[in-house]
Amino acid sequence: MLPGSADSNYTGLVAALIEALDIKRRTLFELDNVPYSCLEAEVSTPTARGGQTLVRLKMRNLITNGVFDKTFKAGEKFKEPDLQTVQASYLYRDNEGAYFLDQESFETINLPDAILGNALDFLIEGAMIDLLKFNGNPIGLELPPSVELAVAYTEPGVRGDTSSGSVTKLARLETGLEIKVPLFIKEGEKVKVSTETREFGGRA
């Protein structure tokens, strides 16, 4: 093929396709122009002759965070989504949502509450966070497994309960999030909080 001909770059334009049978937990794929993450995959092999192998996927919509099950034929193919993660710093929030500074383009990005979910429970101003983009457009945040936040208010612990972690009290953190903490935790201390369970994970 001659250099510069219309088809010379054809092979470079073919996007990789993923077969339903190859989708496993955490596989990212695109369906109807929407990116998804696989949470669970279950293959059903037919017992009847000539039956089709089916793949049931528990999948998360990365734009809406909605989770649902859908069954596909084993040979169905999906595009790899054009997803990119960039670092961004949390600036502030108002009635329009929250604002972040993209650390690569230095562009200010607004994310509405529908996309944010409960992410701001774990973010203080200036915090660095991974911003997820799909086809170049911001679609959400990727929270770390845990964050460190200061205790803004909690009742003083009872003397003699400095080591026991079985009894808890309520603590309000600097973001406004309220969690249960052991009695020995004091105001001003930093604690680790799971972003998945929203529970106390130890002193920071």
Protein backbone atom coordinates (compact mmCIF):
# COMPACT_ATOMS: atom_id res chain seq x y z
CA MET A 1 0.00 0.00 0.00
CA LEU A 2 1.39 3.41 -0.92
CA PRO A 3 2.27 5.81 1.89
CA GLY A 4 -0.31 8.55 2.18
CA SER A 5 -3.07 6.52 0.52
CA ALA A 6 -6.54 6.72 2.08
CA ASP A 7 -6.25 3.32 3.73
CA SER A 8 -2.66 3.48 4.96
CA ASN A 9 -3.68 4.31 8.55
CA TYR A 10 -6.77 2.13 8.66
CA THR A 11 -5.40 -0.38 11.16
CA GLY A 12 -4.55 2.41 13.59
CA LEU A 13 -8.18 3.55 13.68
CA VAL A 14 -9.75 0.24 14.68
CA ALA A 15 -10.76 0.41 18.34
CA ALA A 16 -10.18 -2.64 20.48
CA LEU A 17 -13.37 -4.62 21.10
CA ILE A 18 -14.14 -6.65 24.21
CA GLU A 19 -16.23 -9.82 23.97
CA ALA A 20 -18.90 -10.33 26.63
CA LEU A 21 -17.26 -13.63 27.58
CA ASP A 22 -14.01 -11.78 28.39
CA ILE A 23 -15.61 -9.24 30.71
CA LYS A 24 -14.58 -9.79 34.32
CA ARG A 25 -14.93 -7.82 37.55
CA ARG A 26 -13.57 -4.27 37.14
CA THR A 27 -13.54 -4.50 33.33
CA LEU A 28 -14.53 -1.18 31.75
CA PHE A 29 -16.65 -1.23 28.61
CA GLU A 30 -18.95 1.00 26.57
CA LEU A 31 -22.61 0.29 25.74
CA ASP A 32 -24.88 2.71 23.85
CA ASN A 33 -22.26 5.48 24.20
CA VAL A 34 -22.17 5.11 28.00
CA PRO A 35 -19.18 3.82 30.01
CA TYR A 36 -19.74 0.95 32.47
CA SER A 37 -17.71 -0.91 35.05
CA CYS A 38 -18.35 -4.62 35.64
CA LEU A 39 -19.09 -5.47 39.29
CA GLU A 40 -19.83 -9.19 38.75
CA ALA A 41 -19.84 -11.55 35.77
CA GLU A 42 -21.57 -14.92 35.59
CA VAL A 43 -21.39 -17.26 32.58
CA SER A 44 -24.31 -19.61 31.85
CA THR A 45 -23.37 -22.54 29.64
CA PRO A 46 -26.36 -24.12 27.86
CA THR A 47 -27.25 -27.74 28.58
CA ALA A 48 -29.40 -28.07 25.48
CA ARG A 49 -27.72 -28.80 22.18
CA GLY A 50 -27.36 -25.69 20.09
CA GLY A 51 -28.09 -23.38 23.00
CA GLN A 52 -26.18 -20.14 23.42
CA THR A 53 -23.72 -19.32 26.14
CA LEU A 54 -24.94 -16.26 28.03
CA VAL A 55 -23.09 -13.79 30.23
CA ARG A 56 -24.95 -12.02 33.04
CA LEU A 57 -23.24 -8.81 34.11
CA LYS A 58 -23.83 -6.72 37.18
CA MET A 59 -22.74 -3.36 35.86
CA ARG A 60 -22.35 0.21 37.11
CA ASN A 61 -23.15 3.21 34.92
CA LEU A 62 -20.11 5.46 35.44
CA ILE A 63 -22.14 8.59 34.66
CA THR A 64 -25.22 8.04 36.85
CA ASN A 65 -23.68 5.46 39.27
CA GLY A 66 -26.79 3.33 38.70
CA VAL A 67 -26.28 -0.43 39.14
CA PHE A 68 -28.26 -3.10 37.30
CA ASP A 69 -28.04 -6.61 35.82
CA LYS A 70 -28.10 -7.32 32.10
CA THR A 71 -27.59 -10.53 30.14
CA PHE A 72 -25.62 -10.69 26.88
CA LYS A 73 -24.74 -13.36 24.34
CA ALA A 74 -21.16 -14.59 24.78
CA GLY A 75 -20.07 -13.28 21.36
CA GLU A 76 -21.42 -9.76 21.76
CA LYS A 77 -18.69 -7.15 21.50
CA PHE A 78 -18.18 -3.82 23.23
CA LYS A 79 -15.88 -0.86 22.69
CA GLU A 80 -13.28 0.13 25.24
CA PRO A 81 -14.46 3.45 26.67
CA ASP A 82 -12.33 6.56 26.19
CA LEU A 83 -11.77 7.17 29.90
CA GLN A 84 -9.09 9.40 31.36
CA THR A 85 -8.21 10.19 34.96
CA VAL A 86 -6.69 13.57 35.79
CA GLN A 87 -5.74 15.12 39.10
CA ALA A 88 -7.85 18.02 40.26
CA SER A 89 -8.05 20.14 43.41
CA TYR A 90 -11.33 20.91 45.13
CA LEU A 91 -11.99 24.66 45.14
CA TYR A 92 -15.46 25.40 46.55
CA ARG A 93 -19.16 24.71 46.10
CA ASP A 94 -22.27 26.84 45.46
CA ASN A 95 -25.86 26.31 44.26
CA GLU A 96 -24.58 25.07 40.88
CA GLY A 97 -22.48 22.26 42.37
CA ALA A 98 -18.77 22.00 43.18
CA TYR A 99 -15.75 23.43 41.39
CA PHE A 100 -12.42 21.72 40.76
CA LEU A 101 -9.17 22.89 39.17
CA ASP A 102 -7.86 20.47 36.53
CA GLN A 103 -4.13 20.13 37.31
CA GLU A 104 -3.27 19.39 33.66
CA SER A 105 -5.28 22.01 31.75
CA PHE A 106 -5.74 24.43 34.71
CA GLU A 107 -9.36 24.67 33.66
CA THR A 108 -12.04 25.17 36.33
CA ILE A 109 -14.56 22.32 36.12
CA ASN A 110 -18.05 22.37 37.60
CA LEU A 111 -19.68 19.12 38.70
CA PRO A 112 -23.40 19.24 39.61
CA ASP A 113 -24.78 17.53 42.72
CA ALA A 114 -26.21 14.67 40.62
CA ILE A 115 -22.65 13.67 39.63
CA LEU A 116 -21.04 14.44 42.99
CA GLY A 117 -23.24 12.15 45.07
CA ASN A 118 -21.81 12.19 48.61
CA ALA A 119 -18.21 12.90 47.55
CA LEU A 120 -18.09 16.27 49.33
CA ASP A 121 -18.54 14.48 52.66
CA PHE A 122 -14.91 13.45 52.23
CA LEU A 123 -13.33 16.54 50.65
CA ILE A 124 -11.96 19.72 52.19
CA GLU A 125 -10.99 22.76 50.12
CA GLY A 126 -7.64 22.25 48.44
CA ALA A 127 -7.87 18.44 48.57
CA MET A 128 -6.45 16.61 45.55
CA ILE A 129 -8.80 14.14 43.90
CA ASP A 130 -8.90 12.01 40.73
CA LEU A 131 -11.37 13.41 38.19
CA LEU A 132 -12.78 10.94 35.67
CA LYS A 133 -13.38 12.07 32.07
CA PHE A 134 -15.28 10.24 29.33
CA ASN A 135 -14.61 11.38 25.75
CA GLY A 136 -12.92 14.42 27.29
CA ASN A 137 -15.91 15.43 29.43
CA PRO A 138 -15.86 15.21 33.25
CA ILE A 139 -18.29 12.58 34.54
CA GLY A 140 -17.32 12.06 38.17
CA LEU A 141 -14.75 11.65 40.91
CA GLU A 142 -12.75 8.62 41.96
CA LEU A 143 -12.49 8.72 45.74
CA PRO A 144 -9.56 6.98 47.46
CA PRO A 145 -10.43 4.01 49.74
CA SER A 146 -10.04 6.26 52.79
CA VAL A 147 -9.44 9.90 53.67
CA GLU A 148 -8.05 11.74 56.71
CA LEU A 149 -10.33 14.35 58.27
CA ALA A 150 -10.18 16.41 61.47
CA VAL A 151 -12.80 16.05 64.18
CA ALA A 152 -14.63 19.38 64.43
CA TYR A 153 -16.84 18.43 67.39
CA THR A 154 -17.37 15.49 69.71
CA GLU A 155 -18.30 15.03 73.35
CA PRO A 156 -15.34 14.53 75.71
CA GLY A 157 -14.59 10.91 76.52
CA VAL A 158 -15.25 9.41 79.92
CA ARG A 159 -12.18 8.97 82.12
CA GLY A 160 -11.03 5.36 82.14
CA ASP A 161 -12.19 4.73 78.59
CA THR A 162 -8.93 5.69 76.89
CA SER A 163 -8.20 2.27 75.45
CA SER A 164 -11.58 0.71 74.83
CA GLY A 165 -12.89 0.93 71.27
CA SER A 166 -16.09 -1.02 71.83
CA VAL A 167 -18.13 1.95 73.06
CA THR A 168 -18.60 4.79 70.57
CA LYS A 169 -19.83 8.37 70.43
CA LEU A 170 -20.86 10.69 67.61
CA ALA A 171 -18.28 12.97 66.01
CA ARG A 172 -18.81 15.71 63.43
CA LEU A 173 -15.88 16.00 61.03
CA GLU A 174 -14.61 19.14 59.32
CA THR A 175 -16.67 18.43 56.19
CA GLY A 176 -19.89 18.11 58.19
CA LEU A 177 -19.95 14.31 57.97
CA GLU A 178 -21.00 12.63 61.22
CA ILE A 179 -19.56 9.24 62.15
CA LYS A 180 -19.24 7.08 65.25
CA VAL A 181 -15.81 7.08 66.87
CA PRO A 182 -14.29 5.42 69.96
CA LEU A 183 -14.59 7.40 73.22
CA PHE A 184 -10.86 8.20 73.28
CA ILE A 185 -11.04 10.36 70.12
CA LYS A 186 -10.83 14.09 70.90
CA GLU A 187 -11.74 17.28 69.05
CA GLY A 188 -8.99 18.42 66.68
CA GLU A 189 -7.63 14.91 66.11
CA LYS A 190 -7.44 13.55 62.59
CA VAL A 191 -9.14 10.26 61.84
CA LYS A 192 -9.25 7.90 58.89
CA VAL A 193 -12.67 7.40 57.31
CA SER A 194 -13.65 4.75 54.76
CA THR A 195 -15.23 6.37 51.69
CA GLU A 196 -17.13 3.17 50.99
CA THR A 197 -18.63 2.40 54.41
CA ARG A 198 -18.40 5.94 55.86
CA GLU A 199 -16.99 4.39 59.05
CA PHE A 200 -14.12 5.23 61.40
CA GLY A 201 -10.90 3.51 60.33
CA GLY A 202 -8.46 4.57 63.03
CA ARG A 203 -6.40 7.57 64.04
CA ALA A 204 -4.64 9.27 61.16
